Amino acid sequence: MDFDATKPWIVTGVTFLPFIAAFILLCVGALCNLYKERKRRLRQQAIDNDIAARNRRYLEQERERGIQQDYIVVNIVPFPVNPPLPPPPQASTVFMCTSATSTNATSDDCAICLEEFTEGQECRLLDDCKHSFHKLCIDEWLATRKAYCPLCIAPVQIIN
């Protein structure tokens, strides 16, 4: 068979044949993806329907036993719930001290206002972490934020 280059339709066909094949492959791939997505959606819908049917059966059993529906709690989560968090560490107490008695403090200045403690100022010393602050500074801190130490974030229990 001799190739005749004088026929333009043969040249055009040979030129566009790879493009036509690629287009057909893309169409087949898109159809396969659509099929897989539909199959996945149907599978998920069947799972959801199964969970709903189980919940309905459970509610019917509880209703037959005479339990009020208002008090029935149904776990519809298909995976286990995370375990509860451990209790927080023991909180510190806050008490009044003066700068003369703040020798147990870990610093000579207030970490909130960055001023040094002077004789006669009212200070507060946190029990557990031993951080000291000016009374006005730490009171405002604890009133506007959560009850924790500004330096080490230890929980603080406020005692009036």
Protein backbone atom coordinates (compact mmCIF):
# COMPACT_ATOMS: atom_id res chain seq x y z
CA MET A 1 0.00 0.00 0.00
CA ASP A 2 1.55 3.19 -1.15
CA PHE A 3 0.97 6.41 0.85
CA ASP A 4 -0.38 9.10 -1.37
CA ALA A 5 0.48 12.54 0.05
CA THR A 6 -1.59 14.24 -2.56
CA LYS A 7 -4.86 13.41 -0.78
CA PRO A 8 -5.36 16.08 1.88
CA TRP A 9 -7.98 14.17 3.85
CA ILE A 10 -5.44 11.41 4.63
CA VAL A 11 -2.93 13.94 5.94
CA THR A 12 -5.63 15.64 7.99
CA GLY A 13 -6.83 12.30 9.40
CA VAL A 14 -3.33 11.20 10.38
CA THR A 15 -2.67 14.59 11.99
CA PHE A 16 -5.84 14.64 14.10
CA LEU A 17 -5.91 10.91 15.00
CA PRO A 18 -3.88 11.34 18.26
CA PHE A 19 -6.12 14.23 19.33
CA ILE A 20 -9.25 12.20 18.67
CA ALA A 21 -7.84 9.24 20.63
CA ALA A 22 -6.89 11.50 23.56
CA PHE A 23 -10.39 13.02 23.58
CA ILE A 24 -11.98 9.56 23.65
CA LEU A 25 -9.70 8.50 26.53
CA LEU A 26 -10.58 11.65 28.48
CA CYS A 27 -14.29 11.00 27.98
CA VAL A 28 -13.93 7.39 29.16
CA GLY A 29 -11.95 8.55 32.22
CA ALA A 30 -14.57 11.17 33.08
CA LEU A 31 -17.34 8.57 32.80
CA CYS A 32 -15.39 6.20 35.07
CA ASN A 33 -14.97 8.97 37.66
CA LEU A 34 -18.68 9.79 37.52
CA TYR A 35 -19.49 6.11 38.01
CA LYS A 36 -17.14 5.80 41.00
CA GLU A 37 -18.55 8.98 42.60
CA ARG A 38 -22.13 7.76 42.18
CA LYS A 39 -21.20 4.37 43.63
CA ARG A 40 -19.53 6.10 46.62
CA ARG A 41 -22.58 8.32 47.21
CA LEU A 42 -24.92 5.32 47.08
CA ARG A 43 -22.72 3.42 49.53
CA GLN A 44 -22.68 6.41 51.93
CA GLN A 45 -26.43 6.81 51.59
CA ALA A 46 -26.90 3.12 52.46
CA ILE A 47 -24.73 3.57 55.56
CA ASP A 48 -26.68 6.68 56.59
CA ASN A 49 -29.98 4.86 56.06
CA ASP A 50 -28.71 1.94 58.14
CA ILE A 51 -27.76 4.27 61.01
CA ALA A 52 -31.14 6.02 60.85
CA ALA A 53 -32.96 2.66 60.80
CA ARG A 54 -30.95 1.49 63.83
CA ASN A 55 -31.84 4.69 65.69
CA ARG A 56 -35.52 4.30 64.83
CA ARG A 57 -35.49 0.68 66.09
CA TYR A 58 -33.79 1.83 69.30
CA LEU A 59 -36.38 4.56 69.87
CA GLU A 60 -39.20 2.07 69.26
CA GLN A 61 -37.70 -0.36 71.80
CA GLU A 62 -37.33 2.40 74.37
CA ARG A 63 -40.90 3.58 73.74
CA GLU A 64 -42.15 0.01 74.25
CA ARG A 65 -40.29 -0.14 77.57
CA GLY A 66 -42.06 3.03 78.66
CA ILE A 67 -39.13 5.43 78.73
CA GLN A 68 -40.09 8.97 77.79
CA GLN A 69 -38.65 10.09 74.49
CA ASP A 70 -37.48 13.40 75.97
CA TYR A 71 -34.83 11.58 77.96
CA ILE A 72 -33.49 9.32 75.23
CA VAL A 73 -30.01 10.16 74.01
CA VAL A 74 -28.92 8.35 70.87
CA ASN A 75 -25.32 8.22 69.77
CA ILE A 76 -25.43 8.76 66.01
CA VAL A 77 -21.67 9.14 65.66
CA PRO A 78 -20.33 6.06 63.86
CA PHE A 79 -16.91 6.30 65.53
CA PRO A 80 -15.93 6.28 69.24
CA VAL A 81 -16.02 9.55 71.15
CA ASN A 82 -12.74 10.88 72.57
CA PRO A 83 -12.13 10.02 76.24
CA PRO A 84 -12.72 12.83 78.75
CA LEU A 85 -9.84 15.15 79.54
CA PRO A 86 -8.04 14.74 82.88
CA PRO A 87 -8.98 17.22 85.61
CA PRO A 88 -6.96 20.45 85.69
CA PRO A 89 -4.08 20.68 88.16
CA GLN A 90 -4.74 22.01 91.66
CA ALA A 91 -5.27 25.77 91.51
CA SER A 92 -3.20 28.28 93.45
CA THR A 93 -4.60 30.61 96.08
CA VAL A 94 -4.02 34.35 96.13
CA PHE A 95 -3.28 36.18 99.38
CA MET A 96 -2.19 39.65 100.42
CA CYS A 97 1.44 40.49 101.12
CA THR A 98 3.51 43.65 101.43
CA SER A 99 6.80 44.28 99.66
CA ALA A 100 8.63 43.75 102.94
CA THR A 101 7.18 40.24 103.29
CA SER A 102 7.58 39.31 99.64
CA THR A 103 11.00 37.73 100.16
CA ASN A 104 9.51 34.44 98.92
CA ALA A 105 8.76 36.07 95.56
CA THR A 106 10.68 34.97 92.48
CA SER A 107 11.31 38.51 91.20
CA ASP A 108 11.77 42.08 92.51
CA ASP A 109 9.47 43.66 89.94
CA CYS A 110 5.90 43.23 88.73
CA ALA A 111 5.70 41.31 85.46
CA ILE A 112 2.50 43.11 84.44
CA CYS A 113 3.52 46.78 84.77
CA LEU A 114 7.31 46.12 84.85
CA GLU A 115 7.84 48.42 87.88
CA GLU A 116 9.88 47.45 90.94
CA PHE A 117 8.20 46.70 94.24
CA THR A 118 8.68 49.49 96.77
CA GLU A 119 8.21 49.45 100.52
CA GLY A 120 4.60 49.92 101.56
CA GLN A 121 2.97 48.78 98.29
CA GLU A 122 0.36 46.09 98.44
CA CYS A 123 1.36 42.95 96.55
CA ARG A 124 -0.10 39.55 95.90
CA LEU A 125 1.93 36.35 95.96
CA LEU A 126 0.58 33.29 94.14
CA ASP A 127 0.86 30.16 96.29
CA ASP A 128 2.02 27.48 93.88
CA CYS A 129 4.29 29.36 91.49
CA LYS A 130 5.47 32.04 93.97
CA HIS A 131 5.17 34.83 91.40
CA SER A 132 4.42 38.25 92.91
CA PHE A 133 2.59 41.21 91.39
CA HIS A 134 1.25 44.59 92.47
CA LYS A 135 -2.19 44.15 94.00
CA LEU A 136 -3.86 46.52 91.52
CA CYS A 137 -2.07 44.94 88.52
CA ILE A 138 -2.93 41.31 89.31
CA ASP A 139 -6.50 42.20 90.38
CA GLU A 140 -7.12 43.88 87.02
CA TRP A 141 -5.42 40.98 85.23
CA LEU A 142 -7.60 38.39 86.97
CA ALA A 143 -10.75 40.49 86.46
CA THR A 144 -10.27 40.98 82.71
CA ARG A 145 -8.74 37.63 81.81
CA LYS A 146 -9.04 34.05 82.93
CA ALA A 147 -7.72 33.12 86.36
CA TYR A 148 -4.15 32.13 85.54
CA CYS A 149 -0.68 33.42 86.34
CA PRO A 150 0.57 35.84 83.65
CA LEU A 151 4.08 34.37 83.79
CA CYS A 152 3.68 30.61 83.94
CA ILE A 153 -0.05 30.22 83.09
CA ALA A 154 -0.67 28.21 86.29
CA PRO A 155 -4.35 28.17 87.31
CA VAL A 156 -5.23 30.57 90.14
CA GLN A 157 -8.10 30.23 92.61
CA ILE A 158 -9.16 33.66 93.85
CA ILE A 159 -9.94 33.87 97.57
CA ASN A 160 -11.49 37.11 98.82
